[in-house]
Amino acid sequence: LQVGLAFTLFAGNVQCKVLEMTPTRLKLEWKLSDWNVPSIVTITLHAEEDRTRLKLLQTHLPLADLERVKENWSNYYWNPIKLVFGYGYLIH
């Protein structure tokens, strides 16, 4: 990945562009195919004593899609990660 790189996920249903990238932070433009404008996804990693905490913040979402977006993050990202690695949990 590099700043400015554009890519798609899920057969083009999610269109992304890397806005910022550091060792502890990734910021993306994130747009579903049926949205008029993109949202902003920021993923931040925080080292703790015996683990790493991942914080995801998504802003500029269409309010009508808030629940769908939450379900998509759980169904397509967090649940599969937990299934593969056997640990982790979603706070909200």
N, C-alpha and C. Protein backbone atom coordinates (compact mmCIF):
# COMPACT_ATOMS: atom_id res chain seq x y z
N LEU A 1 0.83 -1.19 0.00
CA LEU A 1 0.00 0.00 0.00
C LEU A 1 0.87 1.25 0.00
N GLN A 2 0.35 2.28 -0.58
CA GLN A 2 1.02 3.58 -0.56
C GLN A 2 -0.03 4.67 -0.68
N VAL A 3 0.28 5.84 -0.17
CA VAL A 3 -0.65 6.97 -0.23
C VAL A 3 -0.99 7.25 -1.68
N GLY A 4 -2.27 7.43 -1.96
CA GLY A 4 -2.75 7.70 -3.31
C GLY A 4 -3.22 6.48 -4.05
N LEU A 5 -2.87 5.28 -3.58
CA LEU A 5 -3.28 4.05 -4.24
C LEU A 5 -4.79 3.87 -4.14
N ALA A 6 -5.43 3.57 -5.26
CA ALA A 6 -6.86 3.28 -5.30
C ALA A 6 -7.03 1.78 -5.57
N PHE A 7 -8.02 1.17 -4.91
CA PHE A 7 -8.28 -0.24 -5.11
C PHE A 7 -9.75 -0.52 -4.80
N THR A 8 -10.20 -1.71 -5.20
CA THR A 8 -11.59 -2.11 -4.94
C THR A 8 -11.58 -3.44 -4.18
N LEU A 9 -12.69 -3.69 -3.49
CA LEU A 9 -12.91 -4.94 -2.78
C LEU A 9 -14.28 -5.48 -3.16
N PHE A 10 -14.47 -6.77 -2.98
CA PHE A 10 -15.77 -7.40 -3.19
C PHE A 10 -16.34 -7.08 -4.58
N ALA A 11 -15.55 -7.41 -5.59
CA ALA A 11 -15.96 -7.25 -6.99
C ALA A 11 -16.37 -5.82 -7.33
N GLY A 12 -15.69 -4.85 -6.72
CA GLY A 12 -15.94 -3.45 -7.01
C GLY A 12 -17.01 -2.81 -6.16
N ASN A 13 -17.63 -3.55 -5.25
CA ASN A 13 -18.67 -2.98 -4.41
C ASN A 13 -18.12 -1.95 -3.42
N VAL A 14 -16.86 -2.12 -3.02
CA VAL A 14 -16.20 -1.16 -2.14
C VAL A 14 -15.04 -0.54 -2.91
N GLN A 15 -15.04 0.78 -3.02
CA GLN A 15 -13.97 1.50 -3.69
C GLN A 15 -13.18 2.26 -2.64
N CYS A 16 -11.86 2.10 -2.66
CA CYS A 16 -11.01 2.68 -1.62
C CYS A 16 -9.87 3.48 -2.24
N LYS A 17 -9.37 4.41 -1.43
CA LYS A 17 -8.17 5.16 -1.78
C LYS A 17 -7.40 5.41 -0.49
N VAL A 18 -6.09 5.15 -0.50
CA VAL A 18 -5.26 5.36 0.68
C VAL A 18 -4.96 6.85 0.82
N LEU A 19 -5.37 7.43 1.95
CA LEU A 19 -5.14 8.86 2.21
C LEU A 19 -3.92 9.09 3.09
N GLU A 20 -3.68 8.17 4.02
CA GLU A 20 -2.58 8.32 4.97
C GLU A 20 -2.15 6.93 5.40
N MET A 21 -0.85 6.75 5.62
CA MET A 21 -0.37 5.46 6.07
C MET A 21 0.89 5.66 6.90
N THR A 22 0.84 5.22 8.15
CA THR A 22 2.00 5.22 9.03
C THR A 22 2.04 3.83 9.68
N PRO A 23 3.07 3.52 10.45
CA PRO A 23 3.09 2.20 11.10
C PRO A 23 1.92 1.95 12.05
N THR A 24 1.28 2.99 12.56
CA THR A 24 0.19 2.80 13.51
C THR A 24 -1.16 3.34 13.04
N ARG A 25 -1.22 3.85 11.82
CA ARG A 25 -2.47 4.47 11.35
C ARG A 25 -2.63 4.29 9.84
N LEU A 26 -3.86 3.93 9.45
CA LEU A 26 -4.22 3.82 8.05
C LEU A 26 -5.52 4.58 7.86
N LYS A 27 -5.53 5.52 6.94
CA LYS A 27 -6.72 6.33 6.67
C LYS A 27 -7.10 6.14 5.20
N LEU A 28 -8.36 5.78 4.98
CA LEU A 28 -8.85 5.45 3.65
C LEU A 28 -10.11 6.22 3.30
N GLU A 29 -10.23 6.58 2.04
CA GLU A 29 -11.52 6.94 1.49
C GLU A 29 -12.22 5.62 1.24
N TRP A 30 -13.48 5.49 1.65
CA TRP A 30 -14.18 4.20 1.58
C TRP A 30 -15.58 4.45 1.06
N LYS A 31 -15.89 3.91 -0.11
CA LYS A 31 -17.18 4.21 -0.74
C LYS A 31 -17.83 2.93 -1.24
N LEU A 32 -19.06 2.72 -0.79
CA LEU A 32 -19.84 1.62 -1.36
C LEU A 32 -20.37 2.07 -2.72
N SER A 33 -20.61 1.10 -3.59
CA SER A 33 -20.98 1.44 -4.97
C SER A 33 -22.28 2.23 -5.08
N ASP A 34 -23.17 2.13 -4.09
CA ASP A 34 -24.43 2.88 -4.18
C ASP A 34 -24.41 4.19 -3.39
N TRP A 35 -23.25 4.62 -2.93
CA TRP A 35 -23.13 5.92 -2.24
C TRP A 35 -22.71 6.99 -3.23
N ASN A 36 -23.17 8.21 -3.00
CA ASN A 36 -22.77 9.34 -3.85
C ASN A 36 -21.42 9.91 -3.45
N VAL A 37 -21.09 9.86 -2.17
CA VAL A 37 -19.81 10.40 -1.68
C VAL A 37 -19.14 9.37 -0.78
N PRO A 38 -17.81 9.40 -0.67
CA PRO A 38 -17.12 8.42 0.17
C PRO A 38 -17.18 8.77 1.65
N SER A 39 -17.01 7.74 2.46
CA SER A 39 -16.80 7.94 3.89
C SER A 39 -15.28 7.91 4.13
N ILE A 40 -14.88 8.15 5.35
CA ILE A 40 -13.47 8.09 5.72
C ILE A 40 -13.32 7.01 6.79
N VAL A 41 -12.45 6.05 6.54
CA VAL A 41 -12.15 4.98 7.50
C VAL A 41 -10.75 5.22 8.04
N THR A 42 -10.64 5.28 9.36
CA THR A 42 -9.34 5.43 10.01
C THR A 42 -9.13 4.24 10.93
N ILE A 43 -8.05 3.51 10.70
CA ILE A 43 -7.68 2.37 11.53
C ILE A 43 -6.41 2.75 12.27
N THR A 44 -6.47 2.65 13.60
CA THR A 44 -5.33 3.02 14.44
C THR A 44 -4.97 1.82 15.31
N LEU A 45 -3.67 1.54 15.44
CA LEU A 45 -3.17 0.47 16.29
C LEU A 45 -2.53 1.08 17.53
N HIS A 46 -2.86 0.51 18.69
CA HIS A 46 -2.30 0.97 19.96
C HIS A 46 -1.66 -0.22 20.66
N ALA A 47 -0.35 -0.17 20.90
CA ALA A 47 0.34 -1.24 21.63
C ALA A 47 -0.02 -1.14 23.11
N GLU A 48 -0.36 -2.28 23.69
CA GLU A 48 -0.62 -2.38 25.11
C GLU A 48 0.33 -3.44 25.67
N GLU A 49 0.29 -3.67 26.95
CA GLU A 49 1.25 -4.58 27.58
C GLU A 49 1.36 -5.93 26.88
N ASP A 50 0.25 -6.62 26.70
CA ASP A 50 0.29 -7.96 26.14
C ASP A 50 -0.55 -8.12 24.87
N ARG A 51 -0.91 -7.01 24.26
CA ARG A 51 -1.75 -7.09 23.07
C ARG A 51 -1.66 -5.79 22.27
N THR A 52 -2.28 -5.82 21.12
CA THR A 52 -2.43 -4.62 20.30
C THR A 52 -3.91 -4.35 20.13
N ARG A 53 -4.30 -3.13 20.40
CA ARG A 53 -5.71 -2.75 20.26
C ARG A 53 -5.88 -2.05 18.91
N LEU A 54 -6.87 -2.48 18.15
CA LEU A 54 -7.20 -1.88 16.87
C LEU A 54 -8.45 -1.04 17.07
N LYS A 55 -8.38 0.22 16.66
CA LYS A 55 -9.54 1.11 16.72
C LYS A 55 -9.92 1.48 15.29
N LEU A 56 -11.19 1.31 14.96
CA LEU A 56 -11.69 1.68 13.65
C LEU A 56 -12.72 2.78 13.82
N LEU A 57 -12.54 3.86 13.09
CA LEU A 57 -13.49 4.97 13.08
C LEU A 57 -13.90 5.22 11.63
N GLN A 58 -15.19 5.21 11.38
CA GLN A 58 -15.68 5.51 10.03
C GLN A 58 -16.62 6.70 10.14
N THR A 59 -16.30 7.76 9.41
CA THR A 59 -17.07 9.00 9.45
C THR A 59 -17.67 9.29 8.07
N HIS A 60 -18.57 10.26 8.03
CA HIS A 60 -19.23 10.70 6.79
C HIS A 60 -20.07 9.59 6.16
N LEU A 61 -20.70 8.79 7.02
CA LEU A 61 -21.57 7.72 6.54
C LEU A 61 -22.97 8.24 6.25
N PRO A 62 -23.61 7.73 5.21
CA PRO A 62 -25.03 8.03 5.05
C PRO A 62 -25.80 7.43 6.23
N LEU A 63 -26.58 8.22 6.92
CA LEU A 63 -27.28 7.74 8.11
C LEU A 63 -28.17 6.53 7.82
N ALA A 64 -28.75 6.48 6.66
CA ALA A 64 -29.62 5.36 6.31
C ALA A 64 -28.86 4.03 6.24
N ASP A 65 -27.54 4.09 6.09
CA ASP A 65 -26.73 2.87 5.94
C ASP A 65 -25.93 2.52 7.19
N LEU A 66 -26.14 3.22 8.28
CA LEU A 66 -25.33 3.00 9.48
C LEU A 66 -25.38 1.54 9.95
N GLU A 67 -26.55 0.97 10.09
CA GLU A 67 -26.67 -0.42 10.56
C GLU A 67 -26.08 -1.40 9.55
N ARG A 68 -26.30 -1.16 8.27
CA ARG A 68 -25.73 -2.04 7.24
C ARG A 68 -24.21 -2.02 7.30
N VAL A 69 -23.63 -0.85 7.51
CA VAL A 69 -22.17 -0.74 7.58
C VAL A 69 -21.64 -1.49 8.80
N LYS A 70 -22.29 -1.33 9.96
CA LYS A 70 -21.87 -2.07 11.16
C LYS A 70 -21.91 -3.58 10.91
N GLU A 71 -23.01 -4.05 10.30
CA GLU A 71 -23.13 -5.48 10.00
C GLU A 71 -22.06 -5.94 9.02
N ASN A 72 -21.76 -5.12 8.01
CA ASN A 72 -20.74 -5.49 7.04
C ASN A 72 -19.37 -5.62 7.68
N TRP A 73 -19.00 -4.68 8.56
CA TRP A 73 -17.70 -4.79 9.25
C TRP A 73 -17.64 -6.08 10.05
N SER A 74 -18.71 -6.41 10.75
CA SER A 74 -18.73 -7.65 11.53
C SER A 74 -18.69 -8.88 10.63
N ASN A 75 -19.56 -8.92 9.64
CA ASN A 75 -19.67 -10.12 8.80
C ASN A 75 -18.48 -10.35 7.88
N TYR A 76 -17.90 -9.31 7.33
CA TYR A 76 -16.85 -9.47 6.33
C TYR A 76 -15.43 -9.29 6.86
N TYR A 77 -15.28 -8.72 8.05
CA TYR A 77 -13.94 -8.48 8.59
C TYR A 77 -13.74 -9.08 9.98
N TRP A 78 -14.47 -8.57 10.98
CA TRP A 78 -14.19 -8.96 12.37
C TRP A 78 -14.50 -10.43 12.64
N ASN A 79 -15.64 -10.93 12.23
CA ASN A 79 -15.97 -12.34 12.47
C ASN A 79 -15.00 -13.29 11.76
N PRO A 80 -14.64 -13.05 10.49
CA PRO A 80 -13.65 -13.92 9.87
C PRO A 80 -12.27 -13.87 10.55
N ILE A 81 -11.86 -12.69 11.00
CA ILE A 81 -10.59 -12.60 11.71
C ILE A 81 -10.65 -13.43 12.99
N LYS A 82 -11.74 -13.31 13.73
CA LYS A 82 -11.89 -14.08 14.96
C LYS A 82 -11.92 -15.58 14.65
N LEU A 83 -12.58 -15.97 13.58
CA LEU A 83 -12.65 -17.38 13.20
C LEU A 83 -11.26 -17.94 12.87
N VAL A 84 -10.46 -17.17 12.13
CA VAL A 84 -9.13 -17.63 11.73
C VAL A 84 -8.18 -17.68 12.92
N PHE A 85 -8.17 -16.62 13.73
CA PHE A 85 -7.19 -16.52 14.80
C PHE A 85 -7.71 -17.03 16.15
N GLY A 86 -9.02 -17.15 16.29
CA GLY A 86 -9.60 -17.71 17.49
C GLY A 86 -9.70 -16.77 18.67
N TYR A 87 -9.49 -15.49 18.46
CA TYR A 87 -9.61 -14.54 19.55
C TYR A 87 -9.95 -13.18 18.99
N GLY A 88 -10.19 -12.25 19.89
CA GLY A 88 -10.58 -10.90 19.51
C GLY A 88 -12.06 -10.70 19.78
N TYR A 89 -12.43 -9.46 19.94
CA TYR A 89 -13.85 -9.17 20.18
C TYR A 89 -14.16 -7.78 19.69
N LEU A 90 -15.43 -7.55 19.48
CA LEU A 90 -15.91 -6.28 18.98
C LEU A 90 -16.60 -5.55 20.13
N ILE A 91 -16.15 -4.34 20.45
CA ILE A 91 -16.77 -3.58 21.53
C ILE A 91 -18.06 -2.95 21.06
N HIS A 92 -18.03 -2.17 19.96
CA HIS A 92 -19.23 -1.62 19.33
C HIS A 92 -18.90 -1.09 17.98
